[in-house]
Amino acid sequence: MKVAINGRFLLDSFGGVHRVAVELSRHLADERSDIVLVVPPAAVDEVPEGVPFEVVGRAAGAVWEQIDLPRWLRRNGSPVLLNFANIAPMTYANQITILHDIAPAIRPQDFSFLFRVQWHLAVRLGMRRRGQQMVTVSRTSRSEIAAHFRMDADSITAI
């Protein structure tokens, strides 16, 4: 079974989120032979060493993630998609997403309007859909996410 990693984090993430995404990508590539990091063209120079990757589409950012990435996934057998940096394609079902926190909801001024819109839509319409797994980085984040989105905290895995 092929496992795809959403490589948008190479363009848009920073700090701890970026570090977690890079380290998990490296670790999975070391442990498994079926991992592929799927990246937009603008991220090709940022791919971590030793991680197999495929450049997909022409766009970048939200357009790439919501159109080019799901199209590639469907053409390639609909593999499990791992999203390590908060945002996920809204129309793709076979995915696991790490939602690190709800900062865009608590501190909207720290994020662009487009990112906030995509984040809210991705969480409400994408990650909360039946059949998708939401993961977060702590029990505290799990409680905050559950309260903010009126979800059962037991439906969110804290790692």
C-alpha atoms as a PDB file:
ATOM      1  CA  MET A   1       0.000   0.000   0.000  1.00  0.00           C
ATOM      2  CA  LYS A   2       1.385   3.401  -0.955  1.00  0.00           C
ATOM      3  CA  VAL A   3       1.255   6.157   1.659  1.00  0.00           C
ATOM      4  CA  ALA A   4       1.360   9.769   0.484  1.00  0.00           C
ATOM      5  CA  ILE A   5       2.496  12.716   2.587  1.00  0.00           C
ATOM      6  CA  ASN A   6       1.055  16.142   1.842  1.00  0.00           C
ATOM      7  CA  GLY A   7       4.159  18.252   1.122  1.00  0.00           C
ATOM      8  CA  ARG A   8       2.526  21.663   1.305  1.00  0.00           C
ATOM      9  CA  PHE A   9       4.157  22.093   4.718  1.00  0.00           C
ATOM     10  CA  LEU A  10       7.431  22.735   2.885  1.00  0.00           C
ATOM     11  CA  LEU A  11       6.018  26.070   1.680  1.00  0.00           C
ATOM     12  CA  ASP A  12       3.655  27.296   4.359  1.00  0.00           C
ATOM     13  CA  SER A  13       4.585  25.967   7.776  1.00  0.00           C
ATOM     14  CA  PHE A  14       7.085  27.260  10.283  1.00  0.00           C
ATOM     15  CA  GLY A  15       8.431  26.561  13.751  1.00  0.00           C
ATOM     16  CA  GLY A  16       7.253  23.461  15.537  1.00  0.00           C
ATOM     17  CA  VAL A  17       4.724  22.450  12.885  1.00  0.00           C
ATOM     18  CA  HIS A  18       7.407  22.472  10.196  1.00  0.00           C
ATOM     19  CA  ARG A  19       9.818  20.537  12.389  1.00  0.00           C
ATOM     20  CA  VAL A  20       7.251  17.861  13.245  1.00  0.00           C
ATOM     21  CA  ALA A  21       6.324  17.454   9.554  1.00  0.00           C
ATOM     22  CA  VAL A  22       9.953  17.166   8.424  1.00  0.00           C
ATOM     23  CA  GLU A  23      10.912  14.730  11.186  1.00  0.00           C
ATOM     24  CA  LEU A  24       7.862  12.501  10.686  1.00  0.00           C
ATOM     25  CA  SER A  25       8.497  12.458   6.921  1.00  0.00           C
ATOM     26  CA  ARG A  26      12.126  11.454   7.449  1.00  0.00           C
ATOM     27  CA  HIS A  27      11.260   8.819  10.007  1.00  0.00           C
ATOM     28  CA  LEU A  28       8.561   7.244   7.852  1.00  0.00           C
ATOM     29  CA  ALA A  29      10.857   7.232   4.808  1.00  0.00           C
ATOM     30  CA  ASP A  30      13.497   5.427   6.897  1.00  0.00           C
ATOM     31  CA  GLU A  31      10.985   2.862   8.172  1.00  0.00           C
ATOM     32  CA  ARG A  32       8.842   2.206   5.100  1.00  0.00           C
ATOM     33  CA  SER A  33       9.494   1.667   1.408  1.00  0.00           C
ATOM     34  CA  ASP A  34       6.026   2.801   0.279  1.00  0.00           C
ATOM     35  CA  ILE A  35       6.220   6.456   1.382  1.00  0.00           C
ATOM     36  CA  VAL A  36       6.084   9.291  -1.150  1.00  0.00           C
ATOM     37  CA  LEU A  37       6.164  12.987  -0.268  1.00  0.00           C
ATOM     38  CA  VAL A  38       3.897  14.763  -2.757  1.00  0.00           C
ATOM     39  CA  VAL A  39       5.050  18.348  -3.313  1.00  0.00           C
ATOM     40  CA  PRO A  40       4.079  21.388  -5.357  1.00  0.00           C
ATOM     41  CA  PRO A  41       6.712  22.565  -7.881  1.00  0.00           C
ATOM     42  CA  ALA A  42       7.725  25.523  -5.702  1.00  0.00           C
ATOM     43  CA  ALA A  43       8.749  23.158  -2.868  1.00  0.00           C
ATOM     44  CA  VAL A  44      11.126  20.889  -4.780  1.00  0.00           C
ATOM     45  CA  ASP A  45      14.236  22.560  -3.324  1.00  0.00           C
ATOM     46  CA  GLU A  46      12.899  22.136   0.226  1.00  0.00           C
ATOM     47  CA  VAL A  47      12.404  18.344   0.205  1.00  0.00           C
ATOM     48  CA  PRO A  48      14.205  16.748   3.168  1.00  0.00           C
ATOM     49  CA  GLU A  49      17.167  14.611   2.174  1.00  0.00           C
ATOM     50  CA  GLY A  50      16.406  10.917   1.898  1.00  0.00           C
ATOM     51  CA  VAL A  51      12.641  11.307   1.513  1.00  0.00           C
ATOM     52  CA  PRO A  52      11.267  10.001  -1.815  1.00  0.00           C
ATOM     53  CA  PHE A  53       9.105  12.631  -3.468  1.00  0.00           C
ATOM     54  CA  GLU A  54       7.002  13.399  -6.500  1.00  0.00           C
ATOM     55  CA  VAL A  55       6.348  16.876  -7.887  1.00  0.00           C
ATOM     56  CA  VAL A  56       2.670  17.278  -8.716  1.00  0.00           C
ATOM     57  CA  GLY A  57       0.666  19.935 -10.542  1.00  0.00           C
ATOM     58  CA  ARG A  58       1.504  23.517 -11.369  1.00  0.00           C
ATOM     59  CA  ALA A  59      -0.050  25.541  -8.591  1.00  0.00           C
ATOM     60  CA  ALA A  60       1.033  26.184  -4.998  1.00  0.00           C
ATOM     61  CA  GLY A  61      -0.632  26.812  -1.660  1.00  0.00           C
ATOM     62  CA  ALA A  62      -4.366  26.294  -1.210  1.00  0.00           C
ATOM     63  CA  VAL A  63      -5.066  25.756  -4.922  1.00  0.00           C
ATOM     64  CA  TRP A  64      -2.443  23.020  -5.091  1.00  0.00           C
ATOM     65  CA  GLU A  65      -3.703  21.341  -1.929  1.00  0.00           C
ATOM     66  CA  GLN A  66      -7.393  21.464  -2.814  1.00  0.00           C
ATOM     67  CA  ILE A  67      -7.167  20.674  -6.558  1.00  0.00           C
ATOM     68  CA  ASP A  68      -3.810  19.308  -7.757  1.00  0.00           C
ATOM     69  CA  LEU A  69      -3.115  17.031  -4.773  1.00  0.00           C
ATOM     70  CA  PRO A  70      -6.535  15.263  -4.647  1.00  0.00           C
ATOM     71  CA  ARG A  71      -6.435  14.801  -8.422  1.00  0.00           C
ATOM     72  CA  TRP A  72      -3.019  13.106  -8.156  1.00  0.00           C
ATOM     73  CA  LEU A  73      -4.202  10.951  -5.248  1.00  0.00           C
ATOM     74  CA  ARG A  74      -7.236   9.684  -7.162  1.00  0.00           C
ATOM     75  CA  ARG A  75      -5.137   8.956 -10.274  1.00  0.00           C
ATOM     76  CA  ASN A  76      -2.741   6.957  -8.098  1.00  0.00           C
ATOM     77  CA  GLY A  77      -5.154   4.565  -6.422  1.00  0.00           C
ATOM     78  CA  SER A  78      -6.404   6.803  -3.576  1.00  0.00           C
ATOM     79  CA  PRO A  79      -3.618   6.032  -1.081  1.00  0.00           C
ATOM     80  CA  VAL A  80      -3.744   7.069   2.545  1.00  0.00           C
ATOM     81  CA  LEU A  81      -2.755  10.747   2.743  1.00  0.00           C
ATOM     82  CA  LEU A  82      -0.886  12.009   5.793  1.00  0.00           C
ATOM     83  CA  ASN A  83      -1.271  15.723   6.517  1.00  0.00           C
ATOM     84  CA  PHE A  84       1.252  16.782   9.137  1.00  0.00           C
ATOM     85  CA  ALA A  85       0.597  20.537   9.152  1.00  0.00           C
ATOM     86  CA  ASN A  86      -3.009  21.393  10.057  1.00  0.00           C
ATOM     87  CA  ILE A  87      -4.618  21.640   6.619  1.00  0.00           C
ATOM     88  CA  ALA A  88      -5.996  18.876   4.421  1.00  0.00           C
ATOM     89  CA  PRO A  89      -7.859  18.506   1.129  1.00  0.00           C
ATOM     90  CA  MET A  90     -11.573  18.947   1.793  1.00  0.00           C
ATOM     91  CA  THR A  91     -12.777  16.490  -0.847  1.00  0.00           C
ATOM     92  CA  TYR A  92     -10.482  13.549  -0.134  1.00  0.00           C
ATOM     93  CA  ALA A  93     -11.660  10.929   2.353  1.00  0.00           C
ATOM     94  CA  ASN A  94      -8.722   8.556   2.891  1.00  0.00           C
ATOM     95  CA  GLN A  95      -6.546  10.744   5.101  1.00  0.00           C
ATOM     96  CA  ILE A  96      -5.165  11.368   8.550  1.00  0.00           C
ATOM     97  CA  THR A  97      -4.510  14.929   9.646  1.00  0.00           C
ATOM     98  CA  ILE A  98      -2.532  16.335  12.543  1.00  0.00           C
ATOM     99  CA  LEU A  99      -4.271  19.451  13.793  1.00  0.00           C
ATOM    100  CA  HIS A 100      -1.619  20.896  16.094  1.00  0.00           C
ATOM    101  CA  ASP A 101      -3.864  23.511  17.678  1.00  0.00           C
ATOM    102  CA  ILE A 102      -6.694  25.925  16.954  1.00  0.00           C
ATOM    103  CA  ALA A 103      -4.547  29.048  16.708  1.00  0.00           C
ATOM    104  CA  PRO A 104      -6.384  30.377  13.612  1.00  0.00           C
ATOM    105  CA  ALA A 105      -9.597  30.349  15.651  1.00  0.00           C
ATOM    106  CA  ILE A 106      -8.117  31.901  18.801  1.00  0.00           C
ATOM    107  CA  ARG A 107      -5.672  34.345  17.174  1.00  0.00           C
ATOM    108  CA  PRO A 108      -7.100  35.086  13.714  1.00  0.00           C
ATOM    109  CA  GLN A 109      -5.002  38.254  13.384  1.00  0.00           C
ATOM    110  CA  ASP A 110      -1.873  36.065  13.118  1.00  0.00           C
ATOM    111  CA  PHE A 111      -3.060  34.428   9.885  1.00  0.00           C
ATOM    112  CA  SER A 112      -3.989  35.612   6.422  1.00  0.00           C
ATOM    113  CA  PHE A 113      -7.653  35.743   5.476  1.00  0.00           C
ATOM    114  CA  LEU A 114      -7.196  33.025   2.837  1.00  0.00           C
ATOM    115  CA  PHE A 115      -5.463  30.697   5.297  1.00  0.00           C
ATOM    116  CA  ARG A 116      -8.196  31.209   7.912  1.00  0.00           C
ATOM    117  CA  VAL A 117     -10.945  30.471   5.399  1.00  0.00           C
ATOM    118  CA  GLN A 118      -9.186  27.353   4.147  1.00  0.00           C
ATOM    119  CA  TRP A 119      -8.403  26.222   7.690  1.00  0.00           C
ATOM    120  CA  HIS A 120     -12.025  26.558   8.856  1.00  0.00           C
ATOM    121  CA  LEU A 121     -13.379  24.838   5.760  1.00  0.00           C
ATOM    122  CA  ALA A 122     -10.782  22.071   5.922  1.00  0.00           C
ATOM    123  CA  VAL A 123     -11.543  21.338   9.572  1.00  0.00           C
ATOM    124  CA  ARG A 124     -15.323  21.667   9.365  1.00  0.00           C
ATOM    125  CA  LEU A 125     -15.909  20.054   5.974  1.00  0.00           C
ATOM    126  CA  GLY A 126     -12.835  17.889   5.607  1.00  0.00           C
ATOM    127  CA  MET A 127     -11.368  16.589   8.836  1.00  0.00           C
ATOM    128  CA  ARG A 128     -14.683  16.176  10.634  1.00  0.00           C
ATOM    129  CA  ARG A 129     -16.172  14.037   7.862  1.00  0.00           C
ATOM    130  CA  ARG A 130     -16.917  10.441   8.702  1.00  0.00           C
ATOM    131  CA  GLY A 131     -14.051   8.104   7.907  1.00  0.00           C
ATOM    132  CA  GLN A 132     -11.260  10.593   8.480  1.00  0.00           C
ATOM    133  CA  GLN A 133      -8.985  10.482  11.462  1.00  0.00           C
ATOM    134  CA  MET A 134      -8.007  13.663  13.295  1.00  0.00           C
ATOM    135  CA  VAL A 135      -4.851  13.612  15.372  1.00  0.00           C
ATOM    136  CA  THR A 136      -3.394  16.287  17.614  1.00  0.00           C
ATOM    137  CA  VAL A 137      -0.224  16.721  19.610  1.00  0.00           C
ATOM    138  CA  SER A 138      -1.509  16.844  23.197  1.00  0.00           C
ATOM    139  CA  ARG A 139      -4.490  16.202  25.446  1.00  0.00           C
ATOM    140  CA  THR A 140      -4.822  19.947  25.920  1.00  0.00           C
ATOM    141  CA  SER A 141      -5.111  20.542  22.169  1.00  0.00           C
ATOM    142  CA  ARG A 142      -7.575  17.654  21.936  1.00  0.00           C
ATOM    143  CA  SER A 143      -9.785  19.305  24.572  1.00  0.00           C
ATOM    144  CA  GLU A 144      -9.585  22.720  22.874  1.00  0.00           C
ATOM    145  CA  ILE A 145     -10.384  21.277  19.428  1.00  0.00           C
ATOM    146  CA  ALA A 146     -13.309  19.261  20.799  1.00  0.00           C
ATOM    147  CA  ALA A 147     -14.739  22.261  22.635  1.00  0.00           C
ATOM    148  CA  HIS A 148     -14.304  24.699  19.741  1.00  0.00           C
ATOM    149  CA  PHE A 149     -15.820  22.387  17.119  1.00  0.00           C
ATOM    150  CA  ARG A 150     -18.342  20.750  19.481  1.00  0.00           C
ATOM    151  CA  MET A 151     -16.881  17.291  18.955  1.00  0.00           C
ATOM    152  CA  ASP A 152     -16.455  14.278  21.167  1.00  0.00           C
ATOM    153  CA  ALA A 153     -12.858  14.468  22.451  1.00  0.00           C
ATOM    154  CA  ASP A 154     -12.624  10.664  22.175  1.00  0.00           C
ATOM    155  CA  SER A 155     -12.898  11.000  18.382  1.00  0.00           C
ATOM    156  CA  ILE A 156      -9.554  12.853  18.330  1.00  0.00           C
ATOM    157  CA  THR A 157      -6.306  10.951  18.894  1.00  0.00           C
ATOM    158  CA  ALA A 158      -3.634  12.718  20.982  1.00  0.00           C
ATOM    159  CA  ILE A 159      -0.114  11.573  20.148  1.00  0.00           C
END
